Amino acid sequence: MDYATCHDLIDAHYLDSLTTLALVAELEEAFDVTIPTVEIIPANFNSAEAMWTMVVRLQEEG
């Protein structure tokens, strides 16, 4: 699996709900952001690019 180019991590069931929640915790710790519940949607977790875009946006929002 090439996670750098995959765009259906949630939709194709590569990530389940528990894995997604663990990933949220890891992203919050690694990038010093808080990911609100409303941001935990497939569009934000279907690809590494989408996750990065969300993290950068949350960092900018402060």
PDB file of N, CA and C in Angstrom:
ATOM      1  N   MET A   1       0.848  -1.182   0.000  1.00  0.00           N
ATOM      2  CA  MET A   1       0.000   0.000   0.000  1.00  0.00           C
ATOM      3  C   MET A   1       0.887   1.237   0.000  1.00  0.00           C
ATOM      4  N   ASP A   2       0.629   2.127  -0.911  1.00  0.00           N
ATOM      5  CA  ASP A   2       1.352   3.392  -0.978  1.00  0.00           C
ATOM      6  C   ASP A   2       0.472   4.469  -0.358  1.00  0.00           C
ATOM      7  N   TYR A   3       0.691   4.724   0.915  1.00  0.00           N
ATOM      8  CA  TYR A   3      -0.142   5.690   1.636  1.00  0.00           C
ATOM      9  C   TYR A   3       0.026   7.112   1.120  1.00  0.00           C
ATOM     10  N   ALA A   4       1.131   7.390   0.474  1.00  0.00           N
ATOM     11  CA  ALA A   4       1.370   8.736  -0.055  1.00  0.00           C
ATOM     12  C   ALA A   4       0.416   9.078  -1.193  1.00  0.00           C
ATOM     13  N   THR A   5      -0.047   8.075  -1.917  1.00  0.00           N
ATOM     14  CA  THR A   5      -0.923   8.345  -3.058  1.00  0.00           C
ATOM     15  C   THR A   5      -2.348   7.812  -2.876  1.00  0.00           C
ATOM     16  N   CYS A   6      -2.618   7.107  -1.792  1.00  0.00           N
ATOM     17  CA  CYS A   6      -3.953   6.548  -1.548  1.00  0.00           C
ATOM     18  C   CYS A   6      -4.924   7.665  -1.166  1.00  0.00           C
ATOM     19  N   HIS A   7      -6.097   7.660  -1.784  1.00  0.00           N
ATOM     20  CA  HIS A   7      -7.103   8.684  -1.504  1.00  0.00           C
ATOM     21  C   HIS A   7      -8.429   8.101  -1.033  1.00  0.00           C
ATOM     22  N   ASP A   8      -8.398   6.858  -0.534  1.00  0.00           N
ATOM     23  CA  ASP A   8      -9.629   6.244  -0.044  1.00  0.00           C
ATOM     24  C   ASP A   8      -9.388   5.408   1.213  1.00  0.00           C
ATOM     25  N   LEU A   9      -8.563   5.936   2.112  1.00  0.00           N
ATOM     26  CA  LEU A   9      -8.216   5.200   3.328  1.00  0.00           C
ATOM     27  C   LEU A   9      -9.445   4.835   4.159  1.00  0.00           C
ATOM     28  N   ILE A  10     -10.390   5.744   4.278  1.00  0.00           N
ATOM     29  CA  ILE A  10     -11.625   5.478   5.025  1.00  0.00           C
ATOM     30  C   ILE A  10     -12.610   4.728   4.133  1.00  0.00           C
ATOM     31  N   ASP A  11     -12.837   5.255   2.949  1.00  0.00           N
ATOM     32  CA  ASP A  11     -13.844   4.683   2.054  1.00  0.00           C
ATOM     33  C   ASP A  11     -13.555   3.227   1.694  1.00  0.00           C
ATOM     34  N   ALA A  12     -12.293   2.867   1.570  1.00  0.00           N
ATOM     35  CA  ALA A  12     -11.916   1.494   1.229  1.00  0.00           C
ATOM     36  C   ALA A  12     -11.674   0.642   2.481  1.00  0.00           C
ATOM     37  N   HIS A  13     -11.954   1.198   3.636  1.00  0.00           N
ATOM     38  CA  HIS A  13     -11.866   0.486   4.919  1.00  0.00           C
ATOM     39  C   HIS A  13     -10.446   0.083   5.303  1.00  0.00           C
ATOM     40  N   TYR A  14      -9.450   0.851   4.837  1.00  0.00           N
ATOM     41  CA  TYR A  14      -8.087   0.631   5.318  1.00  0.00           C
ATOM     42  C   TYR A  14      -7.963   1.135   6.756  1.00  0.00           C
ATOM     43  N   LEU A  15      -8.714   2.178   7.084  1.00  0.00           N
ATOM     44  CA  LEU A  15      -8.765   2.708   8.450  1.00  0.00           C
ATOM     45  C   LEU A  15     -10.158   2.484   9.002  1.00  0.00           C
ATOM     46  N   ASP A  16     -10.230   1.842  10.166  1.00  0.00           N
ATOM     47  CA  ASP A  16     -11.529   1.692  10.819  1.00  0.00           C
ATOM     48  C   ASP A  16     -11.669   2.782  11.879  1.00  0.00           C
ATOM     49  N   SER A  17     -12.774   2.771  12.593  1.00  0.00           N
ATOM     50  CA  SER A  17     -13.045   3.858  13.543  1.00  0.00           C
ATOM     51  C   SER A  17     -12.016   3.909  14.671  1.00  0.00           C
ATOM     52  N   LEU A  18     -11.613   2.762  15.184  1.00  0.00           N
ATOM     53  CA  LEU A  18     -10.627   2.760  16.270  1.00  0.00           C
ATOM     54  C   LEU A  18      -9.264   3.230  15.788  1.00  0.00           C
ATOM     55  N   THR A  19      -8.879   2.814  14.606  1.00  0.00           N
ATOM     56  CA  THR A  19      -7.610   3.262  14.043  1.00  0.00           C
ATOM     57  C   THR A  19      -7.637   4.757  13.770  1.00  0.00           C
ATOM     58  N   THR A  20      -8.769   5.253  13.307  1.00  0.00           N
ATOM     59  CA  THR A  20      -8.906   6.685  13.043  1.00  0.00           C
ATOM     60  C   THR A  20      -8.771   7.479  14.332  1.00  0.00           C
ATOM     61  N   LEU A  21      -9.405   7.007  15.407  1.00  0.00           N
ATOM     62  CA  LEU A  21      -9.289   7.706  16.690  1.00  0.00           C
ATOM     63  C   LEU A  21      -7.863   7.680  17.219  1.00  0.00           C
ATOM     64  N   ALA A  22      -7.165   6.570  17.030  1.00  0.00           N
ATOM     65  CA  ALA A  22      -5.757   6.502  17.436  1.00  0.00           C
ATOM     66  C   ALA A  22      -4.924   7.469  16.604  1.00  0.00           C
ATOM     67  N   LEU A  23      -5.243   7.558  15.331  1.00  0.00           N
ATOM     68  CA  LEU A  23      -4.543   8.483  14.441  1.00  0.00           C
ATOM     69  C   LEU A  23      -4.794   9.927  14.852  1.00  0.00           C
ATOM     70  N   VAL A  24      -6.012  10.241  15.252  1.00  0.00           N
ATOM     71  CA  VAL A  24      -6.343  11.585  15.742  1.00  0.00           C
ATOM     72  C   VAL A  24      -5.434  11.928  16.928  1.00  0.00           C
ATOM     73  N   ALA A  25      -5.327  11.017  17.868  1.00  0.00           N
ATOM     74  CA  ALA A  25      -4.480  11.253  19.053  1.00  0.00           C
ATOM     75  C   ALA A  25      -3.030  11.464  18.648  1.00  0.00           C
ATOM     76  N   GLU A  26      -2.529  10.663  17.716  1.00  0.00           N
ATOM     77  CA  GLU A  26      -1.147  10.804  17.254  1.00  0.00           C
ATOM     78  C   GLU A  26      -0.921  12.138  16.550  1.00  0.00           C
ATOM     79  N   LEU A  27      -1.853  12.538  15.695  1.00  0.00           N
ATOM     80  CA  LEU A  27      -1.728  13.818  14.998  1.00  0.00           C
ATOM     81  C   LEU A  27      -1.762  14.980  15.982  1.00  0.00           C
ATOM     82  N   GLU A  28      -2.664  14.900  16.960  1.00  0.00           N
ATOM     83  CA  GLU A  28      -2.757  15.977  17.955  1.00  0.00           C
ATOM     84  C   GLU A  28      -1.451  16.121  18.718  1.00  0.00           C
ATOM     85  N   GLU A  29      -0.875  15.002  19.114  1.00  0.00           N
ATOM     86  CA  GLU A  29       0.379  15.052  19.878  1.00  0.00           C
ATOM     87  C   GLU A  29       1.551  15.493  19.007  1.00  0.00           C
ATOM     88  N   ALA A  30       1.646  14.952  17.819  1.00  0.00           N
ATOM     89  CA  ALA A  30       2.793  15.235  16.951  1.00  0.00           C
ATOM     90  C   ALA A  30       2.812  16.673  16.453  1.00  0.00           C
ATOM     91  N   PHE A  31       1.625  17.250  16.209  1.00  0.00           N
ATOM     92  CA  PHE A  31       1.562  18.574  15.595  1.00  0.00           C
ATOM     93  C   PHE A  31       0.970  19.639  16.506  1.00  0.00           C
ATOM     94  N   ASP A  32       0.755  19.289  17.781  1.00  0.00           N
ATOM     95  CA  ASP A  32       0.271  20.229  18.783  1.00  0.00           C
ATOM     96  C   ASP A  32      -1.000  20.950  18.322  1.00  0.00           C
ATOM     97  N   VAL A  33      -1.978  20.158  17.889  1.00  0.00           N
ATOM     98  CA  VAL A  33      -3.274  20.694  17.491  1.00  0.00           C
ATOM     99  C   VAL A  33      -4.359  19.924  18.230  1.00  0.00           C
ATOM    100  N   THR A  34      -5.540  20.502  18.273  1.00  0.00           N
ATOM    101  CA  THR A  34      -6.718  19.808  18.761  1.00  0.00           C
ATOM    102  C   THR A  34      -7.625  19.585  17.560  1.00  0.00           C
ATOM    103  N   ILE A  35      -7.989  18.353  17.334  1.00  0.00           N
ATOM    104  CA  ILE A  35      -8.868  18.019  16.214  1.00  0.00           C
ATOM    105  C   ILE A  35     -10.276  17.865  16.767  1.00  0.00           C
ATOM    106  N   PRO A  36     -11.146  18.853  16.518  1.00  0.00           N
ATOM    107  CA  PRO A  36     -12.514  18.778  17.031  1.00  0.00           C
ATOM    108  C   PRO A  36     -13.272  17.608  16.405  1.00  0.00           C
ATOM    109  N   THR A  37     -14.256  17.114  17.105  1.00  0.00           N
ATOM    110  CA  THR A  37     -15.064  15.996  16.635  1.00  0.00           C
ATOM    111  C   THR A  37     -15.651  16.263  15.254  1.00  0.00           C
ATOM    112  N   VAL A  38     -16.061  17.505  14.984  1.00  0.00           N
ATOM    113  CA  VAL A  38     -16.667  17.823  13.682  1.00  0.00           C
ATOM    114  C   VAL A  38     -15.678  17.668  12.528  1.00  0.00           C
ATOM    115  N   GLU A  39     -14.373  17.608  12.831  1.00  0.00           N
ATOM    116  CA  GLU A  39     -13.347  17.439  11.793  1.00  0.00           C
ATOM    117  C   GLU A  39     -13.060  15.967  11.497  1.00  0.00           C
ATOM    118  N   ILE A  40     -13.589  15.071  12.322  1.00  0.00           N
ATOM    119  CA  ILE A  40     -13.319  13.643  12.141  1.00  0.00           C
ATOM    120  C   ILE A  40     -14.340  13.071  11.164  1.00  0.00           C
ATOM    121  N   ILE A  41     -14.092  13.381   9.900  1.00  0.00           N
ATOM    122  CA  ILE A  41     -14.960  12.960   8.804  1.00  0.00           C
ATOM    123  C   ILE A  41     -14.096  12.326   7.716  1.00  0.00           C
ATOM    124  N   PRO A  42     -14.666  11.460   6.893  1.00  0.00           N
ATOM    125  CA  PRO A  42     -13.864  10.798   5.854  1.00  0.00           C
ATOM    126  C   PRO A  42     -13.070  11.761   4.978  1.00  0.00           C
ATOM    127  N   ALA A  43     -13.641  12.884   4.628  1.00  0.00           N
ATOM    128  CA  ALA A  43     -12.941  13.827   3.750  1.00  0.00           C
ATOM    129  C   ALA A  43     -11.594  14.267   4.331  1.00  0.00           C
ATOM    130  N   ASN A  44     -11.485  14.322   5.651  1.00  0.00           N
ATOM    131  CA  ASN A  44     -10.242  14.751   6.289  1.00  0.00           C
ATOM    132  C   ASN A  44      -9.268  13.605   6.548  1.00  0.00           C
ATOM    133  N   PHE A  45      -9.710  12.353   6.362  1.00  0.00           N
ATOM    134  CA  PHE A  45      -8.861  11.210   6.686  1.00  0.00           C
ATOM    135  C   PHE A  45      -8.730  10.197   5.552  1.00  0.00           C
ATOM    136  N   ASN A  46      -9.241  10.506   4.374  1.00  0.00           N
ATOM    137  CA  ASN A  46      -9.154   9.577   3.249  1.00  0.00           C
ATOM    138  C   ASN A  46      -7.764   9.521   2.633  1.00  0.00           C
ATOM    139  N   SER A  47      -6.909  10.502   2.928  1.00  0.00           N
ATOM    140  CA  SER A  47      -5.548  10.488   2.384  1.00  0.00           C
ATOM    141  C   SER A  47      -4.601  11.206   3.328  1.00  0.00           C
ATOM    142  N   ALA A  48      -3.323  10.908   3.176  1.00  0.00           N
ATOM    143  CA  ALA A  48      -2.302  11.609   3.958  1.00  0.00           C
ATOM    144  C   ALA A  48      -2.341  13.096   3.626  1.00  0.00           C
ATOM    145  N   GLU A  49      -2.572  13.415   2.362  1.00  0.00           N
ATOM    146  CA  GLU A  49      -2.662  14.815   1.930  1.00  0.00           C
ATOM    147  C   GLU A  49      -3.814  15.536   2.624  1.00  0.00           C
ATOM    148  N   ALA A  50      -4.962  14.887   2.727  1.00  0.00           N
ATOM    149  CA  ALA A  50      -6.118  15.504   3.391  1.00  0.00           C
ATOM    150  C   ALA A  50      -5.847  15.722   4.877  1.00  0.00           C
ATOM    151  N   MET A  51      -5.175  14.752   5.497  1.00  0.00           N
ATOM    152  CA  MET A  51      -4.838  14.900   6.921  1.00  0.00           C
ATOM    153  C   MET A  51      -3.883  16.067   7.121  1.00  0.00           C
ATOM    154  N   TRP A  52      -2.866  16.158   6.251  1.00  0.00           N
ATOM    155  CA  TRP A  52      -1.904  17.250   6.358  1.00  0.00           C
ATOM    156  C   TRP A  52      -2.590  18.602   6.166  1.00  0.00           C
ATOM    157  N   THR A  53      -3.464  18.694   5.186  1.00  0.00           N
ATOM    158  CA  THR A  53      -4.197  19.935   4.931  1.00  0.00           C
ATOM    159  C   THR A  53      -5.009  20.332   6.157  1.00  0.00           C
ATOM    160  N   MET A  54      -5.665  19.358   6.792  1.00  0.00           N
ATOM    161  CA  MET A  54      -6.447  19.626   7.997  1.00  0.00           C
ATOM    162  C   MET A  54      -5.538  20.106   9.131  1.00  0.00           C
ATOM    163  N   VAL A  55      -4.409  19.432   9.336  1.00  0.00           N
ATOM    164  CA  VAL A  55      -3.489  19.810  10.407  1.00  0.00           C
ATOM    165  C   VAL A  55      -2.980  21.226  10.203  1.00  0.00           C
ATOM    166  N   VAL A  56      -2.560  21.558   8.987  1.00  0.00           N
ATOM    167  CA  VAL A  56      -2.051  22.908   8.705  1.00  0.00           C
ATOM    168  C   VAL A  56      -3.143  23.948   8.956  1.00  0.00           C
ATOM    169  N   ARG A  57      -4.367  23.654   8.510  1.00  0.00           N
ATOM    170  CA  ARG A  57      -5.474  24.592   8.724  1.00  0.00           C
ATOM    171  C   ARG A  57      -5.741  24.787  10.210  1.00  0.00           C
ATOM    172  N   LEU A  58      -5.729  23.714  10.976  1.00  0.00           N
ATOM    173  CA  LEU A  58      -5.974  23.815  12.419  1.00  0.00           C
ATOM    174  C   LEU A  58      -4.843  24.579  13.114  1.00  0.00           C
ATOM    175  N   GLN A  59      -3.614  24.397  12.657  1.00  0.00           N
ATOM    176  CA  GLN A  59      -2.488  25.142  13.230  1.00  0.00           C
ATOM    177  C   GLN A  59      -2.646  26.631  12.942  1.00  0.00           C
ATOM    178  N   GLU A  60      -3.061  26.946  11.724  1.00  0.00           N
ATOM    179  CA  GLU A  60      -3.235  28.351  11.353  1.00  0.00           C
ATOM    180  C   GLU A  60      -4.381  29.008  12.112  1.00  0.00           C
ATOM    181  N   GLU A  61      -5.434  28.230  12.385  1.00  0.00           N
ATOM    182  CA  GLU A  61      -6.580  28.761  13.139  1.00  0.00           C
ATOM    183  C   GLU A  61      -6.237  28.969  14.600  1.00  0.00           C
ATOM    184  N   GLY A  62      -5.171  28.273  15.049  1.00  0.00           N
ATOM    185  CA  GLY A  62      -4.687  28.456  16.405  1.00  0.00           C
ATOM    186  C   GLY A  62      -5.505  27.778  17.392  1.00  0.00           C
TER     187      GLY A  62
END
